[in-house]
Amino acid sequence: MSLERSIMAFAGFMILLSLVLMATVSQHFIWLTVFVGANLLQSAFTGFCPAAIIMKKMGIKTAAEIALSK
């Protein structure tokens, strides 16, 4: 899985997790959803994504790197 798809999967997981936590633990977990959404929005404009930096250090390759290695 490429870095780009990993970021989308991670964001989707975090949103679903926050919704489950909001329904079962506390309504304040809505702020996790807000944070994930705001981070996705700012990364679309700036290109800066902390999760991408961490995943890149973990060895996940971008789609371009995967294509070059084939």
C-alpha atoms as a PDB file:
ATOM      1  CA  MET A   1       0.000   0.000   0.000  1.00  0.00           C
ATOM      2  CA  SER A   2       1.356   3.404  -0.936  1.00  0.00           C
ATOM      3  CA  LEU A   3       1.876   6.296   1.457  1.00  0.00           C
ATOM      4  CA  GLU A   4      -0.994   8.238  -0.090  1.00  0.00           C
ATOM      5  CA  ARG A   5      -3.449   5.379   0.398  1.00  0.00           C
ATOM      6  CA  SER A   6      -2.114   4.738   3.899  1.00  0.00           C
ATOM      7  CA  ILE A   7      -2.858   8.346   4.851  1.00  0.00           C
ATOM      8  CA  MET A   8      -6.428   8.050   3.558  1.00  0.00           C
ATOM      9  CA  ALA A   9      -6.918   4.746   5.401  1.00  0.00           C
ATOM     10  CA  PHE A  10      -5.501   6.192   8.622  1.00  0.00           C
ATOM     11  CA  ALA A  11      -7.702   9.292   8.417  1.00  0.00           C
ATOM     12  CA  GLY A  12     -10.787   7.170   7.753  1.00  0.00           C
ATOM     13  CA  PHE A  13      -9.954   4.875  10.662  1.00  0.00           C
ATOM     14  CA  MET A  14      -9.435   7.813  13.015  1.00  0.00           C
ATOM     15  CA  ILE A  15     -12.764   9.376  12.037  1.00  0.00           C
ATOM     16  CA  LEU A  16     -14.634   6.098  12.525  1.00  0.00           C
ATOM     17  CA  LEU A  17     -12.845   5.531  15.840  1.00  0.00           C
ATOM     18  CA  SER A  18     -13.762   8.991  17.061  1.00  0.00           C
ATOM     19  CA  LEU A  19     -17.410   8.420  16.126  1.00  0.00           C
ATOM     20  CA  VAL A  20     -17.487   5.128  18.045  1.00  0.00           C
ATOM     21  CA  LEU A  21     -15.817   6.762  21.047  1.00  0.00           C
ATOM     22  CA  MET A  22     -18.236   9.670  20.833  1.00  0.00           C
ATOM     23  CA  ALA A  23     -21.215   7.307  20.884  1.00  0.00           C
ATOM     24  CA  THR A  24     -19.901   5.100  23.689  1.00  0.00           C
ATOM     25  CA  VAL A  25     -17.579   7.172  25.893  1.00  0.00           C
ATOM     26  CA  SER A  26     -17.994  10.940  25.607  1.00  0.00           C
ATOM     27  CA  GLN A  27     -19.404  13.502  23.201  1.00  0.00           C
ATOM     28  CA  HIS A  28     -16.098  15.374  23.518  1.00  0.00           C
ATOM     29  CA  PHE A  29     -14.483  12.906  21.093  1.00  0.00           C
ATOM     30  CA  ILE A  30     -16.071  15.008  18.347  1.00  0.00           C
ATOM     31  CA  TRP A  31     -12.926  17.130  18.688  1.00  0.00           C
ATOM     32  CA  LEU A  32     -10.848  14.224  17.385  1.00  0.00           C
ATOM     33  CA  THR A  33     -12.992  14.219  14.245  1.00  0.00           C
ATOM     34  CA  VAL A  34     -12.573  17.992  13.957  1.00  0.00           C
ATOM     35  CA  PHE A  35      -8.794  17.673  14.347  1.00  0.00           C
ATOM     36  CA  VAL A  36      -8.516  14.969  11.671  1.00  0.00           C
ATOM     37  CA  GLY A  37     -10.680  16.959   9.255  1.00  0.00           C
ATOM     38  CA  ALA A  38      -8.735  20.169   9.864  1.00  0.00           C
ATOM     39  CA  ASN A  39      -5.445  18.336   9.379  1.00  0.00           C
ATOM     40  CA  LEU A  40      -6.650  16.865   6.078  1.00  0.00           C
ATOM     41  CA  LEU A  41      -7.751  20.298   4.898  1.00  0.00           C
ATOM     42  CA  GLN A  42      -4.516  22.070   5.812  1.00  0.00           C
ATOM     43  CA  SER A  43      -2.382  19.282   4.329  1.00  0.00           C
ATOM     44  CA  ALA A  44      -4.263  19.622   1.025  1.00  0.00           C
ATOM     45  CA  PHE A  45      -3.126  23.252   0.809  1.00  0.00           C
ATOM     46  CA  THR A  46       0.316  23.096   2.427  1.00  0.00           C
ATOM     47  CA  GLY A  47       1.511  19.569   1.699  1.00  0.00           C
ATOM     48  CA  PHE A  48       2.555  19.177   5.352  1.00  0.00           C
ATOM     49  CA  CYS A  49       1.166  16.065   7.053  1.00  0.00           C
ATOM     50  CA  PRO A  50       2.633  14.803  10.333  1.00  0.00           C
ATOM     51  CA  ALA A  51       1.197  11.317   9.770  1.00  0.00           C
ATOM     52  CA  ALA A  52       2.928  11.125   6.367  1.00  0.00           C
ATOM     53  CA  ILE A  53       6.262  12.013   7.949  1.00  0.00           C
ATOM     54  CA  ILE A  54       5.855   9.264  10.555  1.00  0.00           C
ATOM     55  CA  MET A  55       4.727   6.682   7.995  1.00  0.00           C
ATOM     56  CA  LYS A  56       7.619   7.589   5.701  1.00  0.00           C
ATOM     57  CA  LYS A  57      10.050   6.978   8.588  1.00  0.00           C
ATOM     58  CA  MET A  58       8.341   3.608   9.100  1.00  0.00           C
ATOM     59  CA  GLY A  59       9.325   2.688   5.549  1.00  0.00           C
ATOM     60  CA  ILE A  60       6.065   3.142   3.662  1.00  0.00           C
ATOM     61  CA  LYS A  61       6.830   4.191   0.081  1.00  0.00           C
ATOM     62  CA  THR A  62       4.977   6.719  -2.052  1.00  0.00           C
ATOM     63  CA  ALA A  63       3.165   5.614  -5.190  1.00  0.00           C
ATOM     64  CA  ALA A  64       5.964   7.121  -7.289  1.00  0.00           C
ATOM     65  CA  GLU A  65       8.630   5.171  -5.382  1.00  0.00           C
ATOM     66  CA  ILE A  66       6.646   1.948  -5.821  1.00  0.00           C
ATOM     67  CA  ALA A  67       6.275   2.593  -9.562  1.00  0.00           C
ATOM     68  CA  LEU A  68      10.018   3.214  -9.949  1.00  0.00           C
ATOM     69  CA  SER A  69      10.907  -0.007  -8.198  1.00  0.00           C
ATOM     70  CA  LYS A  70       8.844  -2.121 -10.609  1.00  0.00           C
END
